[in-house]
């Protein structure tokens, strides 16, 4: 209880700084995820249509999954320096694999008979993609986005060590000063943000899932 009280007091004393750090953290996460979605959803659709593209793109992006988050962040430093841009690039790379893989799987598993029926009704390929395939694939795509969001929110904390700001500042400061209470000022909001993203996206995923889906 004493540790939590000390954490609470420190948060109150630095309320303005904590609020700005939270905003910076959310901006960092949002931009990384947005770029990941904009890049990987079209690539995932392409990979679902072409076996050669699937082998090349998915295998290349999947290789990133075996590299720890901290390693990606620090590997980027010698080439890009420290700061926000480096953190954004590294976090976007982390966000890409689950979004890409889930998008490709989602479109690949759509029953071809559904596409044929839509084409038989006179729909163009673009209309089929937008009005038929994408709504069917969206729940699985959201699973990838949910996975990416939790990874990026947590990894954005480590990005403070390369000068990107955010809630990781308190983790960095807590380690430097050997003050667990300061560390918790950053760690607790990160945990809450991760939990909120998980619950929010899971709820959205259930809401848009077709009624007959298992």
N, C-alpha and C. Protein backbone atom coordinates (compact mmCIF):
# COMPACT_ATOMS: atom_id res chain seq x y z
N UNK A 1 0.82 -1.21 0.00
CA UNK A 1 0.00 0.00 0.00
C UNK A 1 0.86 1.27 0.00
N UNK A 2 1.97 1.20 0.71
CA UNK A 2 2.85 2.36 0.77
C UNK A 2 3.41 2.70 -0.62
N UNK A 3 3.76 1.64 -1.39
CA UNK A 3 4.28 1.85 -2.74
C UNK A 3 3.23 2.49 -3.63
N UNK A 4 1.99 2.00 -3.54
CA UNK A 4 0.91 2.55 -4.35
C UNK A 4 0.61 4.00 -3.97
N UNK A 5 0.68 4.29 -2.67
CA UNK A 5 0.45 5.66 -2.21
C UNK A 5 1.53 6.59 -2.73
N UNK A 6 2.77 6.12 -2.71
CA UNK A 6 3.87 6.93 -3.23
C UNK A 6 3.72 7.14 -4.74
N UNK A 7 3.27 6.10 -5.43
CA UNK A 7 3.03 6.21 -6.88
C UNK A 7 1.94 7.24 -7.16
N UNK A 8 0.86 7.17 -6.39
CA UNK A 8 -0.26 8.10 -6.56
C UNK A 8 0.18 9.54 -6.30
N UNK A 9 0.95 9.74 -5.25
CA UNK A 9 1.41 11.09 -4.91
C UNK A 9 2.31 11.65 -6.01
N UNK A 10 3.19 10.80 -6.53
CA UNK A 10 4.09 11.26 -7.60
C UNK A 10 3.29 11.62 -8.85
N UNK A 11 2.28 10.81 -9.15
CA UNK A 11 1.44 11.09 -10.33
C UNK A 11 0.70 12.42 -10.17
N UNK A 12 0.20 12.69 -8.97
CA UNK A 12 -0.49 13.95 -8.73
C UNK A 12 0.45 15.14 -8.84
N UNK A 13 1.66 14.98 -8.32
CA UNK A 13 2.64 16.07 -8.37
C UNK A 13 3.09 16.37 -9.78
N UNK A 14 3.02 15.37 -10.66
CA UNK A 14 3.46 15.54 -12.05
C UNK A 14 2.29 15.32 -13.01
N UNK A 15 1.11 15.77 -12.62
CA UNK A 15 -0.11 15.50 -13.39
C UNK A 15 -0.03 16.04 -14.81
N UNK A 16 0.46 17.27 -14.96
CA UNK A 16 0.53 17.87 -16.30
C UNK A 16 1.50 17.10 -17.19
N UNK A 17 2.65 16.76 -16.62
CA UNK A 17 3.64 16.00 -17.38
C UNK A 17 3.11 14.62 -17.75
N UNK A 18 2.40 13.99 -16.81
CA UNK A 18 1.84 12.66 -17.06
C UNK A 18 0.78 12.71 -18.15
N UNK A 19 -0.03 13.75 -18.13
CA UNK A 19 -1.06 13.90 -19.16
C UNK A 19 -0.43 14.06 -20.54
N UNK A 20 0.62 14.88 -20.63
CA UNK A 20 1.29 15.08 -21.91
C UNK A 20 1.98 13.80 -22.37
N UNK A 21 2.58 13.07 -21.42
CA UNK A 21 3.25 11.81 -21.77
C UNK A 21 2.25 10.79 -22.30
N UNK A 22 1.05 10.76 -21.70
CA UNK A 22 0.01 9.85 -22.16
C UNK A 22 -0.43 10.20 -23.58
N UNK A 23 -0.59 11.50 -23.84
CA UNK A 23 -0.98 11.96 -25.18
C UNK A 23 0.10 11.58 -26.19
N UNK A 24 1.37 11.83 -25.82
CA UNK A 24 2.47 11.48 -26.72
C UNK A 24 2.50 9.97 -27.00
N UNK A 25 2.23 9.18 -25.98
CA UNK A 25 2.22 7.72 -26.13
C UNK A 25 1.12 7.30 -27.09
N UNK A 26 -0.07 7.88 -26.92
CA UNK A 26 -1.21 7.54 -27.77
C UNK A 26 -0.96 7.96 -29.22
N UNK A 27 -0.35 9.12 -29.40
CA UNK A 27 -0.04 9.58 -30.76
C UNK A 27 0.94 8.63 -31.43
N UNK A 28 1.97 8.24 -30.69
CA UNK A 28 2.98 7.33 -31.22
C UNK A 28 2.35 6.00 -31.64
N UNK A 29 1.49 5.47 -30.79
CA UNK A 29 0.82 4.19 -31.06
C UNK A 29 -0.13 4.34 -32.25
N UNK A 30 -0.92 5.41 -32.25
CA UNK A 30 -1.94 5.60 -33.29
C UNK A 30 -1.32 5.74 -34.67
N UNK A 31 -0.24 6.53 -34.77
CA UNK A 31 0.41 6.71 -36.07
C UNK A 31 1.01 5.40 -36.56
N UNK A 32 1.67 4.68 -35.66
CA UNK A 32 2.29 3.41 -36.05
C UNK A 32 1.25 2.41 -36.54
N UNK A 33 0.14 2.30 -35.80
CA UNK A 33 -0.91 1.38 -36.20
C UNK A 33 -1.57 1.81 -37.50
N UNK A 34 -1.80 3.11 -37.66
CA UNK A 34 -2.43 3.61 -38.88
C UNK A 34 -1.59 3.30 -40.10
N UNK A 35 -0.28 3.53 -39.99
CA UNK A 35 0.60 3.22 -41.12
C UNK A 35 0.61 1.72 -41.39
N UNK A 36 0.68 0.93 -40.31
CA UNK A 36 0.66 -0.53 -40.47
C UNK A 36 -0.59 -1.02 -41.17
N UNK A 37 -1.74 -0.45 -40.81
CA UNK A 37 -3.02 -0.85 -41.43
C UNK A 37 -3.05 -0.43 -42.90
N UNK A 38 -2.66 0.82 -43.17
CA UNK A 38 -2.71 1.33 -44.54
C UNK A 38 -1.79 0.56 -45.48
N UNK A 39 -0.66 0.08 -44.95
CA UNK A 39 0.28 -0.67 -45.77
C UNK A 39 -0.10 -2.14 -45.88
N UNK A 40 -0.47 -2.74 -44.75
CA UNK A 40 -0.59 -4.20 -44.69
C UNK A 40 -1.94 -4.74 -45.16
N UNK A 41 -3.00 -3.97 -45.05
CA UNK A 41 -4.29 -4.48 -45.54
C UNK A 41 -4.25 -4.66 -47.06
N UNK A 42 -3.82 -3.65 -47.85
CA UNK A 42 -3.69 -3.89 -49.29
C UNK A 42 -2.70 -5.00 -49.64
N UNK A 43 -1.57 -5.04 -48.91
CA UNK A 43 -0.60 -6.12 -49.16
C UNK A 43 -1.19 -7.48 -48.84
N UNK A 44 -1.99 -7.54 -47.76
CA UNK A 44 -2.63 -8.80 -47.39
C UNK A 44 -3.62 -9.27 -48.43
N UNK A 45 -4.38 -8.33 -49.01
CA UNK A 45 -5.32 -8.67 -50.08
C UNK A 45 -4.56 -9.20 -51.29
N UNK A 46 -3.47 -8.55 -51.65
CA UNK A 46 -2.64 -8.98 -52.77
C UNK A 46 -2.06 -10.37 -52.50
N UNK A 47 -1.56 -10.58 -51.27
CA UNK A 47 -0.98 -11.87 -50.93
C UNK A 47 -2.02 -12.99 -50.98
N UNK A 48 -3.27 -12.67 -50.69
CA UNK A 48 -4.32 -13.69 -50.74
C UNK A 48 -4.67 -14.08 -52.17
N UNK A 49 -4.32 -13.21 -53.13
CA UNK A 49 -4.64 -13.46 -54.54
C UNK A 49 -3.50 -14.17 -55.26
N UNK A 50 -2.27 -13.98 -54.77
CA UNK A 50 -1.09 -14.48 -55.48
C UNK A 50 -0.23 -15.34 -54.55
N UNK A 51 -0.01 -16.58 -54.93
CA UNK A 51 0.82 -17.46 -54.11
C UNK A 51 2.26 -16.95 -54.04
N UNK A 52 2.77 -16.42 -55.15
CA UNK A 52 4.14 -15.92 -55.16
C UNK A 52 4.27 -14.71 -54.23
N UNK A 53 3.28 -13.82 -54.30
CA UNK A 53 3.29 -12.65 -53.41
C UNK A 53 3.19 -13.07 -51.96
N UNK A 54 2.36 -14.08 -51.70
CA UNK A 54 2.19 -14.56 -50.33
C UNK A 54 3.50 -15.09 -49.76
N UNK A 55 4.20 -15.90 -50.56
CA UNK A 55 5.47 -16.47 -50.09
C UNK A 55 6.50 -15.39 -49.83
N UNK A 56 6.56 -14.41 -50.73
CA UNK A 56 7.58 -13.36 -50.60
C UNK A 56 7.26 -12.39 -49.47
N UNK A 57 6.04 -11.86 -49.50
CA UNK A 57 5.69 -10.80 -48.56
C UNK A 57 5.53 -11.35 -47.14
N UNK A 58 4.73 -12.39 -47.00
CA UNK A 58 4.44 -12.89 -45.65
C UNK A 58 5.69 -13.46 -44.99
N UNK A 59 6.50 -14.20 -45.74
CA UNK A 59 7.72 -14.74 -45.16
C UNK A 59 8.67 -13.63 -44.74
N UNK A 60 8.75 -12.58 -45.54
CA UNK A 60 9.64 -11.46 -45.20
C UNK A 60 9.17 -10.75 -43.94
N UNK A 61 7.88 -10.47 -43.88
CA UNK A 61 7.35 -9.75 -42.72
C UNK A 61 7.34 -10.64 -41.48
N UNK A 62 7.07 -11.91 -41.67
CA UNK A 62 7.05 -12.83 -40.52
C UNK A 62 8.41 -12.96 -39.86
N UNK A 63 9.47 -12.71 -40.63
CA UNK A 63 10.81 -12.79 -40.06
C UNK A 63 10.99 -11.78 -38.94
N UNK A 64 10.22 -10.69 -38.99
CA UNK A 64 10.31 -9.66 -37.96
C UNK A 64 9.82 -10.19 -36.63
N UNK A 65 8.91 -11.15 -36.66
CA UNK A 65 8.31 -11.65 -35.43
C UNK A 65 9.32 -12.32 -34.50
N UNK A 66 10.39 -12.84 -35.06
CA UNK A 66 11.36 -13.54 -34.22
C UNK A 66 12.34 -12.57 -33.56
N UNK A 67 12.28 -11.29 -33.95
CA UNK A 67 13.18 -10.29 -33.36
C UNK A 67 12.49 -9.62 -32.20
N UNK A 68 13.08 -9.60 -31.01
CA UNK A 68 12.45 -8.93 -29.86
C UNK A 68 12.21 -7.45 -30.13
N UNK A 69 11.18 -6.92 -29.49
CA UNK A 69 10.80 -5.52 -29.69
C UNK A 69 11.96 -4.57 -29.39
N UNK A 70 12.62 -4.79 -28.28
CA UNK A 70 13.71 -3.91 -27.90
C UNK A 70 14.84 -3.96 -28.92
N UNK A 71 15.07 -5.14 -29.50
CA UNK A 71 16.13 -5.27 -30.49
C UNK A 71 15.82 -4.45 -31.73
N UNK A 72 14.56 -4.49 -32.18
CA UNK A 72 14.18 -3.71 -33.36
C UNK A 72 14.39 -2.22 -33.11
N UNK A 73 14.00 -1.76 -31.92
CA UNK A 73 14.16 -0.35 -31.59
C UNK A 73 15.62 0.08 -31.63
N UNK A 74 16.48 -0.73 -31.02
CA UNK A 74 17.88 -0.34 -30.94
C UNK A 74 18.66 -0.62 -32.23
N UNK A 75 18.19 -1.57 -33.04
CA UNK A 75 18.82 -1.80 -34.33
C UNK A 75 18.60 -0.62 -35.27
N UNK A 76 17.49 0.09 -35.06
CA UNK A 76 17.19 1.23 -35.91
C UNK A 76 18.04 2.45 -35.58
N UNK A 77 18.55 2.52 -34.37
CA UNK A 77 19.27 3.71 -33.91
C UNK A 77 20.53 4.01 -34.74
N UNK A 78 21.40 3.01 -35.03
CA UNK A 78 22.62 3.34 -35.81
C UNK A 78 22.32 3.92 -37.19
N UNK A 79 21.18 3.57 -37.76
CA UNK A 79 20.85 4.01 -39.12
C UNK A 79 20.00 5.28 -39.14
N UNK A 80 19.14 5.43 -38.13
CA UNK A 80 18.17 6.52 -38.14
C UNK A 80 18.36 7.52 -37.00
N UNK A 81 19.27 7.20 -36.07
CA UNK A 81 19.45 8.08 -34.93
C UNK A 81 18.37 7.86 -33.89
N UNK A 82 18.34 8.72 -32.90
CA UNK A 82 17.32 8.62 -31.85
C UNK A 82 16.24 9.66 -32.09
N UNK A 83 15.05 9.40 -31.52
CA UNK A 83 13.98 10.36 -31.65
C UNK A 83 12.68 9.73 -32.11
N UNK A 84 11.70 10.59 -32.36
CA UNK A 84 10.35 10.14 -32.69
C UNK A 84 10.29 9.36 -34.00
N UNK A 85 10.99 9.84 -35.03
CA UNK A 85 10.92 9.17 -36.33
C UNK A 85 11.43 7.73 -36.25
N UNK A 86 12.50 7.53 -35.53
CA UNK A 86 13.05 6.19 -35.37
C UNK A 86 12.06 5.28 -34.66
N UNK A 87 11.45 5.79 -33.60
CA UNK A 87 10.46 5.01 -32.85
C UNK A 87 9.26 4.66 -33.73
N UNK A 88 8.80 5.61 -34.54
CA UNK A 88 7.65 5.36 -35.41
C UNK A 88 7.95 4.25 -36.42
N UNK A 89 9.13 4.30 -37.01
CA UNK A 89 9.50 3.27 -38.00
C UNK A 89 9.59 1.90 -37.34
N UNK A 90 10.25 1.85 -36.18
CA UNK A 90 10.41 0.57 -35.49
C UNK A 90 9.07 0.00 -35.04
N UNK A 91 8.20 0.85 -34.51
CA UNK A 91 6.90 0.39 -34.03
C UNK A 91 5.99 -0.02 -35.19
N UNK A 92 6.10 0.67 -36.30
CA UNK A 92 5.32 0.29 -37.49
C UNK A 92 5.74 -1.09 -37.97
N UNK A 93 7.05 -1.35 -37.97
CA UNK A 93 7.56 -2.67 -38.36
C UNK A 93 6.99 -3.75 -37.44
N UNK A 94 6.90 -3.45 -36.14
CA UNK A 94 6.34 -4.40 -35.19
C UNK A 94 4.85 -4.65 -35.43
N UNK A 95 4.15 -3.61 -35.87
CA UNK A 95 2.70 -3.73 -36.07
C UNK A 95 2.34 -4.51 -37.33
N UNK A 96 3.25 -4.57 -38.29
CA UNK A 96 2.91 -5.10 -39.60
C UNK A 96 2.61 -6.60 -39.66
N UNK A 97 3.40 -7.48 -39.04
CA UNK A 97 3.17 -8.92 -39.25
C UNK A 97 1.77 -9.42 -38.91
N UNK A 98 1.21 -9.13 -37.72
CA UNK A 98 -0.12 -9.68 -37.43
C UNK A 98 -1.21 -9.12 -38.34
N UNK A 99 -1.09 -7.85 -38.72
CA UNK A 99 -2.11 -7.26 -39.60
C UNK A 99 -2.03 -7.90 -40.99
N UNK A 100 -0.83 -8.03 -41.51
CA UNK A 100 -0.64 -8.61 -42.84
C UNK A 100 -1.10 -10.06 -42.90
N UNK A 101 -0.65 -10.86 -41.95
CA UNK A 101 -0.98 -12.29 -41.95
C UNK A 101 -2.48 -12.50 -41.80
N UNK A 102 -3.10 -11.81 -40.87
CA UNK A 102 -4.54 -11.99 -40.66
C UNK A 102 -5.36 -11.52 -41.85
N UNK A 103 -4.91 -10.44 -42.50
CA UNK A 103 -5.62 -9.97 -43.69
C UNK A 103 -5.55 -11.00 -44.80
N UNK A 104 -4.36 -11.54 -45.04
CA UNK A 104 -4.20 -12.55 -46.09
C UNK A 104 -5.03 -13.79 -45.79
N UNK A 105 -5.02 -14.24 -44.55
CA UNK A 105 -5.81 -15.42 -44.17
C UNK A 105 -7.30 -15.14 -44.32
N UNK A 106 -7.72 -13.95 -43.91
CA UNK A 106 -9.14 -13.60 -43.96
C UNK A 106 -9.68 -13.67 -45.39
N UNK A 107 -8.95 -13.11 -46.33
CA UNK A 107 -9.43 -13.11 -47.72
C UNK A 107 -9.25 -14.47 -48.39
N UNK A 108 -8.22 -15.20 -47.99
CA UNK A 108 -7.98 -16.51 -48.59
C UNK A 108 -9.05 -17.52 -48.19
N UNK A 109 -9.63 -17.36 -47.01
CA UNK A 109 -10.60 -18.35 -46.51
C UNK A 109 -12.05 -18.03 -46.88
N UNK A 110 -12.26 -16.96 -47.63
CA UNK A 110 -13.62 -16.66 -48.10
C UNK A 110 -14.03 -17.70 -49.14
N UNK A 111 -15.21 -18.23 -49.00
CA UNK A 111 -15.71 -19.26 -49.91
C UNK A 111 -15.79 -18.70 -51.34
N UNK A 112 -15.11 -19.34 -52.32
CA UNK A 112 -15.17 -18.86 -53.70
C UNK A 112 -16.59 -18.77 -54.25
N UNK A 113 -17.48 -19.60 -53.73
CA UNK A 113 -18.87 -19.57 -54.21
C UNK A 113 -19.53 -18.23 -53.92
N UNK A 114 -19.10 -17.57 -52.85
CA UNK A 114 -19.66 -16.27 -52.52
C UNK A 114 -19.24 -15.25 -53.57
N UNK A 115 -17.98 -15.30 -53.97
CA UNK A 115 -17.51 -14.38 -55.01
C UNK A 115 -18.24 -14.65 -56.34
N UNK A 116 -18.41 -15.94 -56.65
CA UNK A 116 -19.08 -16.30 -57.90
C UNK A 116 -20.53 -15.82 -57.89
N UNK A 117 -21.19 -15.95 -56.75
CA UNK A 117 -22.58 -15.50 -56.65
C UNK A 117 -22.66 -13.98 -56.83
N UNK A 118 -21.72 -13.25 -56.23
CA UNK A 118 -21.71 -11.80 -56.37
C UNK A 118 -21.44 -11.39 -57.81
N UNK A 119 -20.50 -12.09 -58.46
CA UNK A 119 -20.21 -11.79 -59.85
C UNK A 119 -21.42 -12.11 -60.74
N UNK A 120 -22.12 -13.18 -60.39
CA UNK A 120 -23.32 -13.55 -61.15
C UNK A 120 -24.42 -12.53 -61.04
N UNK A 121 -24.41 -11.74 -59.98
CA UNK A 121 -25.40 -10.68 -59.80
C UNK A 121 -25.00 -9.40 -60.53
N UNK A 122 -23.85 -9.44 -61.21
CA UNK A 122 -23.44 -8.29 -62.00
C UNK A 122 -22.51 -7.34 -61.27
N UNK A 123 -21.98 -7.73 -60.12
CA UNK A 123 -21.09 -6.85 -59.38
C UNK A 123 -19.70 -6.87 -60.00
N UNK A 124 -19.04 -5.71 -60.00
CA UNK A 124 -17.67 -5.63 -60.50
C UNK A 124 -16.71 -6.17 -59.43
N UNK A 125 -15.44 -6.39 -59.83
CA UNK A 125 -14.46 -6.88 -58.87
C UNK A 125 -14.28 -5.92 -57.71
N UNK A 126 -14.30 -4.62 -58.01
CA UNK A 126 -14.15 -3.62 -56.95
C UNK A 126 -15.35 -3.66 -56.00
N UNK A 127 -16.54 -3.80 -56.55
CA UNK A 127 -17.74 -3.89 -55.71
C UNK A 127 -17.72 -5.15 -54.85
N UNK A 128 -17.27 -6.25 -55.43
CA UNK A 128 -17.19 -7.50 -54.67
C UNK A 128 -16.21 -7.34 -53.51
N UNK A 129 -15.06 -6.72 -53.79
CA UNK A 129 -14.06 -6.51 -52.75
C UNK A 129 -14.61 -5.64 -51.63
N UNK A 130 -15.24 -4.54 -52.00
CA UNK A 130 -15.68 -3.56 -51.00
C UNK A 130 -16.94 -3.99 -50.26
N UNK A 131 -17.89 -4.56 -50.99
CA UNK A 131 -19.20 -4.83 -50.40
C UNK A 131 -19.39 -6.26 -49.92
N UNK A 132 -18.59 -7.19 -50.41
CA UNK A 132 -18.77 -8.60 -50.04
C UNK A 132 -17.57 -9.13 -49.26
N UNK A 133 -16.40 -9.07 -49.90
CA UNK A 133 -15.22 -9.69 -49.28
C UNK A 133 -14.76 -8.96 -48.01
N UNK A 134 -14.65 -7.65 -48.10
CA UNK A 134 -14.11 -6.91 -46.97
C UNK A 134 -14.97 -7.06 -45.70
N UNK A 135 -16.31 -6.95 -45.79
CA UNK A 135 -17.11 -7.16 -44.58
C UNK A 135 -16.94 -8.56 -43.98
N UNK A 136 -16.79 -9.57 -44.84
CA UNK A 136 -16.58 -10.94 -44.35
C UNK A 136 -15.20 -11.10 -43.70
N UNK A 137 -14.22 -10.40 -44.25
CA UNK A 137 -12.85 -10.54 -43.74
C UNK A 137 -12.57 -9.68 -42.51
N UNK A 138 -13.39 -8.65 -42.29
CA UNK A 138 -13.09 -7.66 -41.26
C UNK A 138 -12.89 -8.24 -39.85
N UNK A 139 -13.72 -9.20 -39.40
CA UNK A 139 -13.48 -9.73 -38.04
C UNK A 139 -12.09 -10.33 -37.86
N UNK A 140 -11.60 -11.05 -38.88
CA UNK A 140 -10.28 -11.65 -38.77
C UNK A 140 -9.19 -10.57 -38.88
N UNK A 141 -9.41 -9.57 -39.72
CA UNK A 141 -8.47 -8.46 -39.81
C UNK A 141 -8.35 -7.77 -38.46
N UNK A 142 -9.49 -7.58 -37.80
CA UNK A 142 -9.48 -6.93 -36.49
C UNK A 142 -8.70 -7.73 -35.45
N UNK A 143 -8.69 -9.05 -35.60
CA UNK A 143 -7.88 -9.87 -34.70
C UNK A 143 -6.41 -9.50 -34.84
N UNK A 144 -5.95 -9.32 -36.08
CA UNK A 144 -4.58 -8.90 -36.31
C UNK A 144 -4.30 -7.51 -35.77
N UNK A 145 -5.25 -6.59 -35.97
CA UNK A 145 -5.09 -5.23 -35.45
C UNK A 145 -5.05 -5.24 -33.93
N UNK A 146 -5.87 -6.08 -33.32
CA UNK A 146 -5.89 -6.19 -31.85
C UNK A 146 -4.54 -6.67 -31.34
N UNK A 147 -4.00 -7.70 -31.99
CA UNK A 147 -2.69 -8.21 -31.60
C UNK A 147 -1.61 -7.14 -31.78
N UNK A 148 -1.65 -6.45 -32.91
CA UNK A 148 -0.67 -5.41 -33.19
C UNK A 148 -0.76 -4.27 -32.18
N UNK A 149 -1.98 -3.90 -31.82
CA UNK A 149 -2.15 -2.77 -30.90
C UNK A 149 -1.56 -3.06 -29.53
N UNK A 150 -1.78 -4.27 -29.02
CA UNK A 150 -1.23 -4.60 -27.70
C UNK A 150 0.30 -4.63 -27.75
N UNK A 151 0.86 -5.15 -28.84
CA UNK A 151 2.32 -5.18 -28.97
C UNK A 151 2.91 -3.78 -29.07
N UNK A 152 2.25 -2.92 -29.85
CA UNK A 152 2.77 -1.57 -30.06
C UNK A 152 2.63 -0.72 -28.80
N UNK A 153 1.51 -0.84 -28.10
CA UNK A 153 1.34 -0.07 -26.86
C UNK A 153 2.44 -0.41 -25.86
N UNK A 154 2.72 -1.69 -25.71
CA UNK A 154 3.76 -2.10 -24.78
C UNK A 154 5.14 -1.69 -25.27
N UNK A 155 5.41 -1.88 -26.55
CA UNK A 155 6.73 -1.58 -27.08
C UNK A 155 7.00 -0.08 -27.14
N UNK A 156 5.96 0.73 -27.25
CA UNK A 156 6.14 2.18 -27.24
C UNK A 156 6.72 2.66 -25.92
N UNK A 157 6.52 1.87 -24.87
CA UNK A 157 7.13 2.19 -23.58
C UNK A 157 8.65 2.11 -23.69
N UNK A 158 9.15 1.09 -24.38
CA UNK A 158 10.59 0.93 -24.55
C UNK A 158 11.16 2.00 -25.46
N UNK A 159 10.32 2.57 -26.32
CA UNK A 159 10.79 3.58 -27.27
C UNK A 159 11.29 4.84 -26.56
N UNK A 160 10.88 5.04 -25.32
CA UNK A 160 11.38 6.19 -24.56
C UNK A 160 12.89 6.14 -24.40
N UNK A 161 13.45 4.94 -24.42
CA UNK A 161 14.89 4.78 -24.26
C UNK A 161 15.67 5.29 -25.47
N UNK A 162 14.98 5.54 -26.59
CA UNK A 162 15.65 6.12 -27.76
C UNK A 162 15.12 7.52 -28.02
N UNK A 163 14.53 8.12 -26.99
CA UNK A 163 14.18 9.54 -27.05
C UNK A 163 12.85 9.88 -27.68
N UNK A 164 11.89 8.96 -27.68
CA UNK A 164 10.60 9.25 -28.33
C UNK A 164 9.58 9.86 -27.38
N UNK A 165 9.85 9.86 -26.09
CA UNK A 165 8.88 10.36 -25.12
C UNK A 165 7.82 9.32 -24.80
N UNK A 166 6.68 9.76 -24.28
CA UNK A 166 5.61 8.84 -23.92
C UNK A 166 5.74 8.36 -22.49
N UNK A 167 4.91 7.40 -22.13
CA UNK A 167 4.87 6.90 -20.75
C UNK A 167 6.13 6.15 -20.36
N UNK A 168 6.90 5.72 -21.34
CA UNK A 168 8.15 5.05 -21.04
C UNK A 168 9.15 5.95 -20.32
N UNK A 169 8.92 7.27 -20.35
CA UNK A 169 9.80 8.19 -19.63
C UNK A 169 9.84 7.85 -18.14
N UNK A 170 8.70 7.46 -17.60
CA UNK A 170 8.63 7.15 -16.17
C UNK A 170 9.29 5.81 -15.86
N UNK A 171 9.20 4.88 -16.79
CA UNK A 171 9.91 3.61 -16.62
C UNK A 171 11.40 3.87 -16.64
N UNK A 172 11.84 4.67 -17.60
CA UNK A 172 13.25 5.03 -17.71
C UNK A 172 13.72 5.77 -16.46
N UNK A 173 12.93 6.71 -16.01
CA UNK A 173 13.29 7.50 -14.82
C UNK A 173 13.30 6.64 -13.57
N UNK A 174 12.34 5.73 -13.47
CA UNK A 174 12.27 4.86 -12.30
C UNK A 174 13.48 3.95 -12.19
N UNK A 175 13.91 3.42 -13.33
CA UNK A 175 15.11 2.58 -13.34
C UNK A 175 16.35 3.40 -12.98
N UNK A 176 16.44 4.59 -13.55
CA UNK A 176 17.62 5.43 -13.33
C UNK A 176 17.75 5.84 -11.86
N UNK A 177 16.63 6.11 -11.22
CA UNK A 177 16.64 6.59 -9.83
C UNK A 177 16.40 5.48 -8.82
N UNK A 178 16.21 4.27 -9.30
CA UNK A 178 15.89 3.13 -8.42
C UNK A 178 14.64 3.43 -7.59
N UNK A 179 13.63 3.97 -8.26
CA UNK A 179 12.36 4.33 -7.59
C UNK A 179 11.23 3.54 -8.25
N UNK A 180 10.82 2.41 -7.66
CA UNK A 180 9.73 1.62 -8.24
C UNK A 180 8.43 2.41 -8.37
N UNK A 181 8.22 3.36 -7.49
CA UNK A 181 6.98 4.15 -7.55
C UNK A 181 6.91 4.96 -8.83
N UNK A 182 8.04 5.52 -9.26
CA UNK A 182 8.06 6.30 -10.50
C UNK A 182 7.85 5.36 -11.69
N UNK A 183 8.48 4.21 -11.64
CA UNK A 183 8.31 3.22 -12.70
C UNK A 183 6.83 2.86 -12.88
N UNK A 184 6.13 2.70 -11.77
CA UNK A 184 4.71 2.33 -11.83
C UNK A 184 3.85 3.44 -12.41
N UNK A 185 4.29 4.69 -12.26
CA UNK A 185 3.54 5.81 -12.84
C UNK A 185 3.43 5.64 -14.35
N UNK A 186 4.46 5.06 -14.96
CA UNK A 186 4.38 4.77 -16.39
C UNK A 186 3.79 3.42 -16.71
N UNK A 187 4.11 2.42 -15.89
CA UNK A 187 3.70 1.05 -16.19
C UNK A 187 2.20 0.84 -16.04
N UNK A 188 1.60 1.43 -15.02
CA UNK A 188 0.17 1.22 -14.78
C UNK A 188 -0.68 1.80 -15.92
N UNK A 189 -0.46 3.05 -16.37
CA UNK A 189 -1.24 3.54 -17.51
C UNK A 189 -1.05 2.71 -18.78
N UNK A 190 0.17 2.22 -19.01
CA UNK A 190 0.42 1.37 -20.19
C UNK A 190 -0.42 0.10 -20.09
N UNK A 191 -0.45 -0.51 -18.91
CA UNK A 191 -1.26 -1.71 -18.72
C UNK A 191 -2.74 -1.42 -18.95
N UNK A 192 -3.20 -0.27 -18.47
CA UNK A 192 -4.61 0.10 -18.66
C UNK A 192 -4.93 0.37 -20.12
N UNK A 193 -4.01 1.02 -20.82
CA UNK A 193 -4.21 1.27 -22.25
C UNK A 193 -4.26 -0.04 -23.04
N UNK A 194 -3.38 -0.96 -22.69
CA UNK A 194 -3.37 -2.26 -23.36
C UNK A 194 -4.67 -3.01 -23.12
N UNK A 195 -5.12 -3.01 -21.87
CA UNK A 195 -6.37 -3.68 -21.53
C UNK A 195 -7.56 -3.03 -22.24
N UNK A 196 -7.57 -1.71 -22.29
CA UNK A 196 -8.66 -0.99 -22.96
C UNK A 196 -8.70 -1.31 -24.45
N UNK A 197 -7.52 -1.36 -25.09
CA UNK A 197 -7.47 -1.69 -26.52
C UNK A 197 -7.96 -3.11 -26.76
N UNK A 198 -7.56 -4.03 -25.91
CA UNK A 198 -7.97 -5.43 -26.04
C UNK A 198 -9.49 -5.57 -25.90
N UNK A 199 -10.05 -4.93 -24.87
CA UNK A 199 -11.50 -5.03 -24.63
C UNK A 199 -12.28 -4.32 -25.74
N UNK A 200 -11.82 -3.12 -26.11
CA UNK A 200 -12.53 -2.35 -27.12
C UNK A 200 -12.56 -3.04 -28.48
N UNK A 201 -11.41 -3.54 -28.93
CA UNK A 201 -11.36 -4.21 -30.23
C UNK A 201 -12.05 -5.57 -30.21
N UNK A 202 -12.00 -6.26 -29.07
CA UNK A 202 -12.72 -7.53 -28.95
C UNK A 202 -14.22 -7.31 -29.03
N UNK A 203 -14.69 -6.25 -28.39
CA UNK A 203 -16.11 -5.91 -28.43
C UNK A 203 -16.55 -5.56 -29.85
N UNK A 204 -15.73 -4.76 -30.53
CA UNK A 204 -16.03 -4.39 -31.92
C UNK A 204 -16.03 -5.61 -32.81
N UNK A 205 -15.08 -6.50 -32.59
CA UNK A 205 -14.99 -7.72 -33.40
C UNK A 205 -16.24 -8.57 -33.24
N UNK A 206 -16.72 -8.73 -32.02
CA UNK A 206 -17.95 -9.51 -31.78
C UNK A 206 -19.16 -8.83 -32.40
N UNK A 207 -19.18 -7.49 -32.38
CA UNK A 207 -20.33 -6.75 -32.88
C UNK A 207 -20.48 -6.89 -34.39
N UNK A 208 -19.36 -6.97 -35.10
CA UNK A 208 -19.44 -7.02 -36.57
C UNK A 208 -19.37 -8.45 -37.11
N UNK A 209 -19.16 -9.42 -36.23
CA UNK A 209 -19.08 -10.80 -36.70
C UNK A 209 -20.45 -11.24 -37.24
N UNK A 210 -20.49 -11.89 -38.39
CA UNK A 210 -21.78 -12.38 -38.93
C UNK A 210 -22.48 -13.27 -37.94
N UNK A 211 -23.81 -13.20 -37.86
CA UNK A 211 -24.57 -13.98 -36.88
C UNK A 211 -24.33 -15.49 -36.97
N UNK A 212 -24.07 -16.00 -38.17
CA UNK A 212 -23.89 -17.44 -38.34
C UNK A 212 -22.44 -17.89 -38.16
N UNK A 213 -21.52 -16.91 -37.79
CA UNK A 213 -20.11 -17.26 -37.61
C UNK A 213 -19.94 -17.99 -36.29
N UNK A 214 -18.98 -18.92 -36.27
CA UNK A 214 -18.74 -19.67 -35.05
C UNK A 214 -17.70 -18.96 -34.21
